[in-house]
């Protein structure tokens, strides 16, 4: 049973709740340094474009899927809240807002005093310990760092959407006693595309030859993202210049008077090894790589 089913979420094929459950649910079954640590590091800050850095050693994690918080006069339900525990009773709060085929559910409304933008309301959760403590026990913990990660299917960072969220939060909360930022660009708001997760798994040898439970879980994450086309084209595989690239054969039979014969044609086109010349002239070095493709060979054979 997936986390989306446990929490009574709609689980159609294109459901972002199902996608969230598949990917981050799998992360919750693994140790932090097996996958989540690497995924978080792929997130980039909306303004500085720096990658997210968790500054302290993680000794344990706690996942809350679709927790609910009272933010002002409204309820806010992010997709996942992850508490990373560090030595010395410190922790990092990571809030995940995941999208698939949709954008933010609400935008900034400056005719209202309330924070209305979806991401801005979610910033209120990690920036206000009283709000965050509604669903997560933080008693005895010092918050060392925090991050809100907007996970989407965009090809490039949706800068305008993120800037609008940060600006509304900053403008409507900077007069509060616990305001701790001098500019909206300093807010811990990050972006992570789904395809970065698939790329991360594909390029970094996350699988071992033993096919352990960890390997199967990570492979499942990769397959889910590929099935939903949340991946990228990485280029062609390296060419094998010693193998035949193209082969064609044809046999023709015909009768002329009393003679019977057959013609057979075979065409082989292959790439040989690439010859090269290397020259040194003084301090200058030059390389010359030439690719030679042989002529098409024709084999003609009579059949008696």
Protein backbone atom coordinates (compact mmCIF):
# COMPACT_ATOMS: atom_id res chain seq x y z
CA UNK A 1 0.00 0.00 0.00
CA UNK A 2 1.44 3.39 -1.00
CA UNK A 3 1.55 6.43 1.25
CA UNK A 4 -0.98 8.15 -1.02
CA UNK A 5 -3.48 5.35 -0.35
CA UNK A 6 -2.79 5.42 3.39
CA UNK A 7 -3.58 9.14 3.42
CA UNK A 8 -6.70 8.74 1.21
CA UNK A 9 -5.22 10.66 -1.71
CA UNK A 10 -6.48 10.30 -5.28
CA UNK A 11 -4.12 7.94 -7.08
CA UNK A 12 -4.77 8.28 -10.80
CA UNK A 13 -1.87 7.65 -13.18
CA UNK A 14 -1.08 11.37 -13.48
CA UNK A 15 -1.59 12.12 -9.78
CA UNK A 16 1.20 14.17 -8.25
CA UNK A 17 0.28 12.66 -4.88
CA UNK A 18 0.98 9.19 -6.27
CA UNK A 19 4.27 10.43 -7.74
CA UNK A 20 5.24 11.98 -4.41
CA UNK A 21 4.35 8.74 -2.64
CA UNK A 22 6.41 6.66 -5.06
CA UNK A 23 9.57 8.77 -4.96
CA UNK A 24 9.76 10.14 -1.43
CA UNK A 25 8.06 7.07 0.01
CA UNK A 26 10.94 5.02 -1.40
CA UNK A 27 13.43 7.47 0.11
CA UNK A 28 11.84 6.90 3.52
CA UNK A 29 12.59 3.15 3.27
CA UNK A 30 16.30 3.81 2.76
CA UNK A 31 19.05 5.24 4.90
CA UNK A 32 19.59 8.96 4.48
CA UNK A 33 22.91 8.57 2.67
CA UNK A 34 21.54 5.91 0.29
CA UNK A 35 19.45 8.36 -1.75
CA UNK A 36 17.83 11.33 0.02
CA UNK A 37 21.16 13.00 0.80
CA UNK A 38 22.03 13.02 -2.91
CA UNK A 39 18.55 14.13 -3.99
CA UNK A 40 18.54 17.12 -1.62
CA UNK A 41 21.96 18.17 -2.89
CA UNK A 42 20.51 18.53 -6.42
CA UNK A 43 18.13 21.28 -5.23
CA UNK A 44 19.15 24.83 -6.17
CA UNK A 45 18.37 28.09 -4.39
CA UNK A 46 15.87 30.20 -6.32
CA UNK A 47 18.08 33.30 -6.19
CA UNK A 48 21.74 32.36 -5.72
CA UNK A 49 21.43 29.06 -7.66
CA UNK A 50 23.63 27.43 -5.01
CA UNK A 51 22.98 23.78 -4.28
CA UNK A 52 21.31 22.88 -1.02
CA UNK A 53 23.80 21.94 1.67
CA UNK A 54 22.88 20.09 4.86
CA UNK A 55 25.71 21.34 7.08
CA UNK A 56 25.66 18.68 9.80
CA UNK A 57 25.79 14.90 10.12
CA UNK A 58 22.37 13.24 9.90
CA UNK A 59 21.81 10.50 12.46
CA UNK A 60 18.11 9.82 11.80
CA UNK A 61 15.12 11.09 9.82
CA UNK A 62 11.38 11.42 10.30
CA UNK A 63 8.92 11.71 7.40
CA UNK A 64 5.43 13.21 7.64
CA UNK A 65 3.32 12.86 4.49
CA UNK A 66 0.64 15.51 3.90
CA UNK A 67 0.69 17.04 7.38
CA UNK A 68 -1.78 19.87 8.02
CA UNK A 69 -0.96 23.22 9.58
CA UNK A 70 -2.98 26.25 10.55
CA UNK A 71 -1.33 29.20 8.77
CA UNK A 72 -3.25 32.33 9.63
CA UNK A 73 -6.90 31.85 8.76
CA UNK A 74 -6.27 28.99 6.35
CA UNK A 75 -5.11 25.38 6.42
CA UNK A 76 -1.92 24.47 4.58
CA UNK A 77 -1.02 20.93 3.55
CA UNK A 78 2.46 20.46 2.07
CA UNK A 79 3.33 17.10 0.53
CA UNK A 80 6.15 15.98 2.83
CA UNK A 81 7.85 17.33 5.94
CA UNK A 82 11.20 15.71 6.68
CA UNK A 83 13.00 16.23 9.97
CA UNK A 84 16.72 15.42 9.79
CA UNK A 85 18.16 14.93 13.26
CA UNK A 86 21.76 15.93 14.02
CA UNK A 87 24.00 15.31 17.04
CA UNK A 88 23.57 17.72 19.94
CA UNK A 89 19.75 17.90 19.73
CA UNK A 90 19.81 19.87 16.49
CA UNK A 91 17.71 19.29 13.40
CA UNK A 92 17.08 20.43 9.83
CA UNK A 93 13.54 20.90 8.52
CA UNK A 94 12.93 20.08 4.84
CA UNK A 95 9.50 20.78 3.40
CA UNK A 96 8.60 19.28 0.00
CA UNK A 97 5.95 20.73 -2.31
CA UNK A 98 5.70 18.49 -5.38
CA UNK A 99 3.97 19.20 -8.69
CA UNK A 100 3.52 17.11 -11.81
CA UNK A 101 1.12 18.60 -14.35
CA UNK A 102 0.04 21.63 -12.35
CA UNK A 103 1.39 24.90 -10.96
CA UNK A 104 0.96 26.49 -7.53
CA UNK A 105 -2.55 26.08 -6.17
CA UNK A 106 -2.75 29.73 -5.07
CA UNK A 107 -1.01 33.00 -5.91
CA UNK A 108 -0.25 36.17 -3.97
CA UNK A 109 -3.24 38.42 -3.22
CA UNK A 110 -2.21 41.86 -1.98
CA UNK A 111 -5.81 42.87 -1.31
CA UNK A 112 -5.63 40.51 1.67
CA UNK A 113 -3.44 40.86 4.74
CA UNK A 114 -3.05 37.08 4.89
CA UNK A 115 -0.25 35.24 3.12
CA UNK A 116 -2.05 33.58 0.21
CA UNK A 117 0.58 32.23 -2.19
CA UNK A 118 0.95 28.46 -1.72
CA UNK A 119 4.73 28.44 -1.33
CA UNK A 120 4.66 31.57 0.81
CA UNK A 121 2.23 29.87 3.20
CA UNK A 122 4.53 26.85 3.34
CA UNK A 123 7.47 29.11 4.17
CA UNK A 124 5.44 30.15 7.22
CA UNK A 125 5.56 26.54 8.43
CA UNK A 126 9.34 26.22 8.56
CA UNK A 127 9.91 29.85 9.59
CA UNK A 128 7.56 29.70 12.57
CA UNK A 129 8.40 27.01 15.11
CA UNK A 130 4.97 27.39 16.67
CA UNK A 131 3.29 26.54 13.36
CA UNK A 132 5.65 23.67 12.57
CA UNK A 133 5.15 22.26 16.06
CA UNK A 134 1.46 21.67 15.30
CA UNK A 135 2.36 18.38 13.57
CA UNK A 136 5.97 17.75 14.53
CA UNK A 137 7.42 17.55 18.02
CA UNK A 138 10.34 20.00 18.15
CA UNK A 139 10.62 20.16 21.91
CA UNK A 140 14.26 20.06 22.96
CA UNK A 141 15.53 20.58 19.40
CA UNK A 142 17.40 23.54 17.96
CA UNK A 143 16.68 24.14 14.27
CA UNK A 144 20.10 24.29 12.58
CA UNK A 145 18.80 24.88 9.03
CA UNK A 146 15.63 24.67 6.96
CA UNK A 147 14.56 24.47 3.33
CA UNK A 148 11.38 24.51 1.27
CA UNK A 149 11.89 22.55 -1.96
CA UNK A 150 9.55 23.08 -4.91
CA UNK A 151 9.73 19.88 -7.00
CA UNK A 152 8.36 20.27 -10.53
CA UNK A 153 8.52 18.91 -14.08
CA UNK A 154 9.89 22.17 -15.53
CA UNK A 155 12.93 22.06 -17.82
CA UNK A 156 14.37 25.19 -16.23
CA UNK A 157 13.83 26.89 -12.90
CA UNK A 158 10.45 28.72 -12.72
CA UNK A 159 12.06 31.92 -11.45
CA UNK A 160 9.02 34.20 -11.63
CA UNK A 161 6.83 31.83 -9.63
CA UNK A 162 9.47 31.40 -6.93
CA UNK A 163 10.27 35.11 -6.76
CA UNK A 164 6.56 35.93 -6.40
CA UNK A 165 6.25 33.50 -3.49
CA UNK A 166 9.32 34.81 -1.69
CA UNK A 167 8.31 38.43 -2.20
CA UNK A 168 4.81 37.99 -0.75
CA UNK A 169 6.13 36.14 2.28
CA UNK A 170 8.79 38.77 2.90
CA UNK A 171 6.46 41.75 2.44
CA UNK A 172 3.73 40.40 4.72
CA UNK A 173 5.93 39.02 7.51
CA UNK A 174 8.94 41.36 7.76
CA UNK A 175 7.26 43.45 10.47
CA UNK A 176 6.80 40.44 12.74
CA UNK A 177 8.99 40.04 15.81
CA UNK A 178 10.58 36.81 14.60
CA UNK A 179 11.44 38.14 11.12
CA UNK A 180 15.06 37.21 10.44
CA UNK A 181 15.70 38.14 6.80
CA UNK A 182 16.81 41.47 5.38
CA UNK A 183 15.78 40.62 1.84
CA UNK A 184 13.42 38.18 0.12
CA UNK A 185 16.34 36.70 -1.81
CA UNK A 186 17.70 35.22 1.45
CA UNK A 187 14.71 32.94 2.06
CA UNK A 188 15.44 29.18 2.08
CA UNK A 189 13.41 28.45 -1.05
CA UNK A 190 14.77 25.86 -3.48
CA UNK A 191 13.82 24.18 -6.75
CA UNK A 192 14.34 20.58 -7.79
CA UNK A 193 13.18 19.11 -11.14
CA UNK A 194 12.03 15.49 -11.18
CA UNK A 195 14.36 14.72 -14.06
CA UNK A 196 17.36 15.61 -11.90
CA UNK A 197 16.52 12.68 -9.63
CA UNK A 198 16.43 10.24 -12.56
CA UNK A 199 19.63 11.73 -13.94
CA UNK A 200 21.30 11.42 -10.56
CA UNK A 201 20.47 7.71 -10.34
CA UNK A 202 21.43 6.97 -13.95
CA UNK A 203 24.81 8.68 -13.85
CA UNK A 204 26.13 7.74 -10.43
CA UNK A 205 26.12 3.93 -10.25
CA UNK A 206 23.61 3.61 -7.42
CA UNK A 207 23.17 -0.09 -8.14
CA UNK A 208 25.43 -2.88 -6.95
CA UNK A 209 25.94 -6.31 -8.50
CA UNK A 210 24.28 -8.01 -5.53
CA UNK A 211 20.75 -6.70 -6.32
CA UNK A 212 20.00 -5.91 -2.69
CA UNK A 213 16.73 -4.52 -1.38
CA UNK A 214 18.29 -1.04 -1.55
CA UNK A 215 19.14 -1.56 -5.22
CA UNK A 216 15.60 -2.66 -6.04
CA UNK A 217 14.08 0.35 -4.29
CA UNK A 218 16.35 2.83 -6.09
CA UNK A 219 15.73 1.09 -9.41
CA UNK A 220 11.99 1.42 -8.78
CA UNK A 221 12.41 5.19 -8.34
CA UNK A 222 14.28 5.36 -11.64
CA UNK A 223 11.66 3.30 -13.48
CA UNK A 224 8.75 5.38 -12.14
CA UNK A 225 10.37 8.59 -13.38
CA UNK A 226 11.13 7.07 -16.78
CA UNK A 227 7.60 5.73 -17.23
CA UNK A 228 6.24 9.21 -16.49
CA UNK A 229 8.81 10.67 -18.93
CA UNK A 230 10.44 12.70 -16.17
CA UNK A 231 13.91 12.09 -17.54
CA UNK A 232 16.31 13.52 -20.08
CA UNK A 233 18.12 12.31 -23.23
CA UNK A 234 21.80 11.85 -22.48
CA UNK A 235 23.17 11.34 -26.00
CA UNK A 236 24.10 8.32 -28.07
CA UNK A 237 26.03 5.38 -26.76
CA UNK A 238 29.71 5.28 -27.83
CA UNK A 239 30.20 3.83 -31.31
CA UNK A 240 32.02 0.55 -31.70
CA UNK A 241 34.30 1.29 -34.64
CA UNK A 242 35.35 -2.36 -35.00
CA UNK A 243 31.89 -3.76 -35.65
CA UNK A 244 29.92 -3.88 -38.86
CA UNK A 245 27.45 -1.02 -38.90
CA UNK A 246 25.42 -2.06 -41.91
CA UNK A 247 24.93 -5.28 -43.82
CA UNK A 248 22.67 -6.04 -46.76
CA UNK A 249 22.16 -9.18 -48.82
CA UNK A 250 19.87 -10.07 -51.69
CA UNK A 251 19.37 -13.17 -53.81
CA UNK A 252 17.83 -13.06 -57.28
CA UNK A 253 16.91 -16.17 -59.28
CA UNK A 254 15.74 -16.25 -62.90
CA UNK A 255 15.51 -18.65 -65.91
CA UNK A 256 16.94 -17.83 -69.31
CA UNK A 257 16.46 -20.62 -71.89
CA UNK A 258 17.96 -23.74 -70.25
CA UNK A 259 20.32 -22.01 -67.83
CA UNK A 260 19.44 -21.51 -64.16
CA UNK A 261 21.48 -19.12 -62.06
CA UNK A 262 21.38 -16.99 -58.96
CA UNK A 263 23.03 -13.73 -58.02
CA UNK A 264 23.95 -12.91 -54.47
CA UNK A 265 25.01 -9.45 -53.31
CA UNK A 266 26.40 -8.60 -49.90
CA UNK A 267 27.26 -5.08 -48.83
CA UNK A 268 29.24 -4.55 -45.64
CA UNK A 269 30.03 -1.08 -44.38
CA UNK A 270 32.20 -0.82 -41.32
CA UNK A 271 34.08 1.78 -39.31
CA UNK A 272 37.76 0.88 -38.85
CA UNK A 273 39.89 2.13 -36.01
CA UNK A 274 40.56 5.85 -36.24
CA UNK A 275 44.12 6.53 -37.44
CA UNK A 276 45.85 9.59 -36.10
CA UNK A 277 49.05 11.52 -36.55
CA UNK A 278 50.84 13.28 -33.75
CA UNK A 279 53.42 15.98 -34.45
CA UNK A 280 55.54 18.17 -32.25
CA UNK A 281 56.85 21.39 -33.71
CA UNK A 282 58.78 23.33 -31.12
CA UNK A 283 56.34 23.78 -28.26
CA UNK A 284 53.32 23.31 -30.48
CA UNK A 285 51.45 20.04 -30.64
CA UNK A 286 48.88 19.15 -33.24
CA UNK A 287 46.51 16.22 -33.58
CA UNK A 288 44.96 14.98 -36.79
CA UNK A 289 42.25 12.37 -36.52
CA UNK A 290 40.94 10.90 -39.76
CA UNK A 291 37.92 8.63 -40.17
CA UNK A 292 38.13 6.18 -43.05
CA UNK A 293 35.05 4.43 -44.37
CA UNK A 294 35.86 1.68 -46.89
CA UNK A 295 34.08 1.38 -50.18
CA UNK A 296 31.10 -0.90 -50.42
CA UNK A 297 32.17 -4.41 -51.39
CA UNK A 298 30.08 -6.48 -53.75
CA UNK A 299 30.28 -10.27 -53.84
CA UNK A 300 28.86 -11.88 -56.96
CA UNK A 301 28.23 -15.62 -56.97
CA UNK A 302 26.79 -17.93 -59.63
CA UNK A 303 24.68 -20.91 -58.61
CA UNK A 304 25.02 -23.84 -61.00
